[in-house]
N, C-alpha and C. Protein backbone atom coordinates (compact mmCIF):
# COMPACT_ATOMS: atom_id res chain seq x y z
N MET A 1 1.20 21.28 4.44
CA MET A 1 0.74 20.57 3.27
C MET A 1 1.39 19.19 3.17
N PHE A 2 2.68 19.12 3.46
CA PHE A 2 3.39 17.84 3.37
C PHE A 2 2.85 16.84 4.39
N TYR A 3 2.53 17.31 5.58
CA TYR A 3 2.01 16.40 6.62
C TYR A 3 0.64 15.86 6.24
N ILE A 4 -0.14 16.67 5.55
CA ILE A 4 -1.46 16.20 5.10
C ILE A 4 -1.29 15.07 4.09
N SER A 5 -0.38 15.24 3.15
CA SER A 5 -0.16 14.17 2.16
C SER A 5 0.42 12.93 2.81
N LEU A 6 1.22 13.10 3.85
CA LEU A 6 1.77 11.96 4.57
C LEU A 6 0.66 11.19 5.30
N VAL A 7 -0.24 11.90 5.94
CA VAL A 7 -1.36 11.25 6.64
C VAL A 7 -2.29 10.56 5.64
N ILE A 8 -2.57 11.23 4.53
CA ILE A 8 -3.43 10.62 3.51
C ILE A 8 -2.76 9.38 2.93
N GLY A 9 -1.47 9.45 2.65
CA GLY A 9 -0.73 8.31 2.12
C GLY A 9 -0.70 7.15 3.10
N PHE A 10 -0.52 7.46 4.38
CA PHE A 10 -0.49 6.41 5.39
C PHE A 10 -1.86 5.75 5.51
N GLY A 11 -2.91 6.56 5.53
CA GLY A 11 -4.27 6.02 5.64
C GLY A 11 -4.65 5.19 4.44
N CYS A 12 -4.41 5.72 3.26
CA CYS A 12 -4.72 4.96 2.04
C CYS A 12 -3.81 3.74 1.90
N GLY A 13 -2.58 3.86 2.37
CA GLY A 13 -1.66 2.72 2.33
C GLY A 13 -2.14 1.57 3.20
N ILE A 14 -2.65 1.89 4.38
CA ILE A 14 -3.19 0.85 5.27
C ILE A 14 -4.39 0.17 4.63
N ILE A 15 -5.30 0.96 4.09
CA ILE A 15 -6.49 0.39 3.45
C ILE A 15 -6.09 -0.45 2.23
N GLY A 16 -5.19 0.08 1.42
CA GLY A 16 -4.73 -0.66 0.24
C GLY A 16 -4.01 -1.94 0.61
N ALA A 17 -3.20 -1.89 1.67
CA ALA A 17 -2.47 -3.08 2.11
C ALA A 17 -3.44 -4.15 2.61
N LEU A 18 -4.44 -3.75 3.36
CA LEU A 18 -5.43 -4.73 3.83
C LEU A 18 -6.18 -5.36 2.68
N MET A 19 -6.56 -4.54 1.71
CA MET A 19 -7.28 -5.07 0.55
C MET A 19 -6.38 -5.99 -0.28
N ALA A 20 -5.12 -5.62 -0.46
CA ALA A 20 -4.20 -6.47 -1.21
C ALA A 20 -3.98 -7.80 -0.50
N PHE A 21 -3.89 -7.76 0.83
CA PHE A 21 -3.73 -8.99 1.60
C PHE A 21 -4.93 -9.91 1.41
N VAL A 22 -6.12 -9.35 1.53
CA VAL A 22 -7.35 -10.16 1.42
C VAL A 22 -7.50 -10.73 0.00
N ILE A 23 -7.28 -9.89 -1.00
CA ILE A 23 -7.43 -10.35 -2.38
C ILE A 23 -6.40 -11.41 -2.74
N THR A 24 -5.14 -11.17 -2.37
CA THR A 24 -4.09 -12.14 -2.68
C THR A 24 -4.32 -13.46 -1.96
N ARG A 25 -4.71 -13.38 -0.70
CA ARG A 25 -4.97 -14.60 0.07
C ARG A 25 -6.12 -15.38 -0.54
N ASN A 26 -7.18 -14.69 -0.93
CA ASN A 26 -8.34 -15.35 -1.51
C ASN A 26 -7.98 -16.02 -2.84
N GLU A 27 -7.21 -15.33 -3.67
CA GLU A 27 -6.85 -15.89 -4.98
C GLU A 27 -5.89 -17.07 -4.85
N TYR A 28 -4.91 -16.98 -3.98
CA TYR A 28 -3.93 -18.05 -3.85
C TYR A 28 -4.50 -19.27 -3.11
N GLN A 29 -5.56 -19.10 -2.36
CA GLN A 29 -6.21 -20.24 -1.72
C GLN A 29 -6.81 -21.17 -2.77
N LYS A 30 -7.22 -20.61 -3.87
CA LYS A 30 -7.81 -21.42 -4.95
C LYS A 30 -6.78 -22.34 -5.61
N HIS A 31 -5.48 -22.03 -5.43
CA HIS A 31 -4.42 -22.80 -6.08
C HIS A 31 -3.74 -23.78 -5.12
N GLN A 32 -4.37 -24.06 -4.00
CA GLN A 32 -3.94 -25.09 -3.05
C GLN A 32 -2.52 -24.86 -2.50
N PHE A 33 -2.20 -23.62 -2.15
CA PHE A 33 -0.94 -23.32 -1.48
C PHE A 33 -1.05 -23.74 -0.02
N ASP A 34 0.08 -24.10 0.60
CA ASP A 34 0.03 -24.38 2.03
C ASP A 34 -0.08 -23.06 2.80
N GLU A 35 -0.48 -23.14 4.05
CA GLU A 35 -0.82 -21.95 4.84
C GLU A 35 0.37 -21.02 5.03
N ARG A 36 1.55 -21.57 5.24
CA ARG A 36 2.74 -20.74 5.48
C ARG A 36 3.11 -19.94 4.23
N GLN A 37 3.09 -20.60 3.08
CA GLN A 37 3.42 -19.92 1.83
C GLN A 37 2.33 -18.92 1.46
N LEU A 38 1.10 -19.25 1.75
CA LEU A 38 -0.02 -18.36 1.49
C LEU A 38 0.11 -17.06 2.29
N LEU A 39 0.46 -17.19 3.55
CA LEU A 39 0.65 -16.02 4.41
C LEU A 39 1.83 -15.17 3.94
N LYS A 40 2.92 -15.83 3.54
CA LYS A 40 4.11 -15.11 3.09
C LYS A 40 3.82 -14.29 1.84
N VAL A 41 3.17 -14.88 0.86
CA VAL A 41 2.87 -14.18 -0.39
C VAL A 41 1.89 -13.03 -0.14
N SER A 42 0.90 -13.26 0.70
CA SER A 42 -0.09 -12.22 1.00
C SER A 42 0.54 -11.04 1.73
N LEU A 43 1.43 -11.31 2.67
CA LEU A 43 2.12 -10.24 3.38
C LEU A 43 3.05 -9.46 2.46
N GLN A 44 3.71 -10.14 1.53
CA GLN A 44 4.56 -9.45 0.57
C GLN A 44 3.74 -8.49 -0.29
N ALA A 45 2.57 -8.93 -0.73
CA ALA A 45 1.70 -8.07 -1.52
C ALA A 45 1.23 -6.87 -0.71
N ALA A 46 0.90 -7.10 0.56
CA ALA A 46 0.43 -6.02 1.42
C ALA A 46 1.52 -4.98 1.68
N VAL A 47 2.72 -5.44 1.97
CA VAL A 47 3.83 -4.52 2.25
C VAL A 47 4.19 -3.72 0.99
N THR A 48 4.21 -4.38 -0.15
CA THR A 48 4.50 -3.69 -1.41
C THR A 48 3.45 -2.63 -1.71
N THR A 49 2.20 -2.97 -1.53
CA THR A 49 1.12 -2.02 -1.78
C THR A 49 1.22 -0.82 -0.84
N PHE A 50 1.50 -1.07 0.43
CA PHE A 50 1.64 0.02 1.40
C PHE A 50 2.79 0.95 1.00
N ALA A 51 3.92 0.36 0.60
CA ALA A 51 5.08 1.17 0.22
C ALA A 51 4.78 2.02 -1.00
N ILE A 52 4.08 1.46 -1.97
CA ILE A 52 3.75 2.21 -3.18
C ILE A 52 2.80 3.36 -2.86
N PHE A 53 1.78 3.11 -2.06
CA PHE A 53 0.83 4.18 -1.71
C PHE A 53 1.53 5.27 -0.91
N LEU A 54 2.30 4.90 0.08
CA LEU A 54 2.97 5.90 0.91
C LEU A 54 4.01 6.68 0.10
N GLY A 55 4.78 5.98 -0.71
CA GLY A 55 5.78 6.65 -1.54
C GLY A 55 5.15 7.60 -2.54
N SER A 56 4.05 7.18 -3.14
CA SER A 56 3.36 8.05 -4.09
C SER A 56 2.83 9.31 -3.42
N ALA A 57 2.29 9.16 -2.22
CA ALA A 57 1.77 10.32 -1.50
C ALA A 57 2.89 11.28 -1.11
N ILE A 58 4.03 10.74 -0.72
CA ILE A 58 5.16 11.60 -0.36
C ILE A 58 5.66 12.37 -1.58
N VAL A 59 5.82 11.67 -2.69
CA VAL A 59 6.29 12.33 -3.92
C VAL A 59 5.28 13.36 -4.39
N LEU A 60 4.00 13.02 -4.39
CA LEU A 60 2.98 13.97 -4.82
C LEU A 60 2.90 15.18 -3.89
N GLY A 61 3.01 14.95 -2.59
CA GLY A 61 3.02 16.06 -1.63
C GLY A 61 4.20 16.98 -1.85
N TYR A 62 5.36 16.41 -2.11
CA TYR A 62 6.55 17.22 -2.38
C TYR A 62 6.37 18.03 -3.65
N LEU A 63 5.85 17.39 -4.70
CA LEU A 63 5.67 18.10 -5.96
C LEU A 63 4.64 19.22 -5.84
N LEU A 64 3.58 18.97 -5.09
CA LEU A 64 2.58 20.00 -4.88
C LEU A 64 3.15 21.19 -4.13
N ILE A 65 3.94 20.93 -3.11
CA ILE A 65 4.56 22.02 -2.35
C ILE A 65 5.55 22.76 -3.23
N ARG A 66 6.33 22.04 -3.99
CA ARG A 66 7.41 22.63 -4.79
C ARG A 66 6.89 23.46 -5.96
N PHE A 67 5.86 22.98 -6.66
CA PHE A 67 5.47 23.65 -7.90
C PHE A 67 4.12 24.36 -7.87
N VAL A 68 3.24 23.98 -6.97
CA VAL A 68 1.90 24.58 -6.96
C VAL A 68 1.79 25.69 -5.93
N GLN A 69 2.38 25.52 -4.78
CA GLN A 69 2.21 26.45 -3.68
C GLN A 69 3.22 27.61 -3.78
N ARG A 70 3.13 28.37 -4.81
CA ARG A 70 4.04 29.53 -4.98
C ARG A 70 3.27 30.79 -5.13
């Protein structure tokens, strides 16, 4: 059960990170940022989103195993 939540979290994390990168890059381009700063901010948003999705899946998987699967 834990491995399933890990795979789901990793998959959703990748998709979420890609979407966060695209959305952040598109929005910050409107504000005339230079390319280097634009890439840095977009990558920070992508990494943060991936960490949140993966962390949430791990915590939820642990809680499901701990309290539901009895």
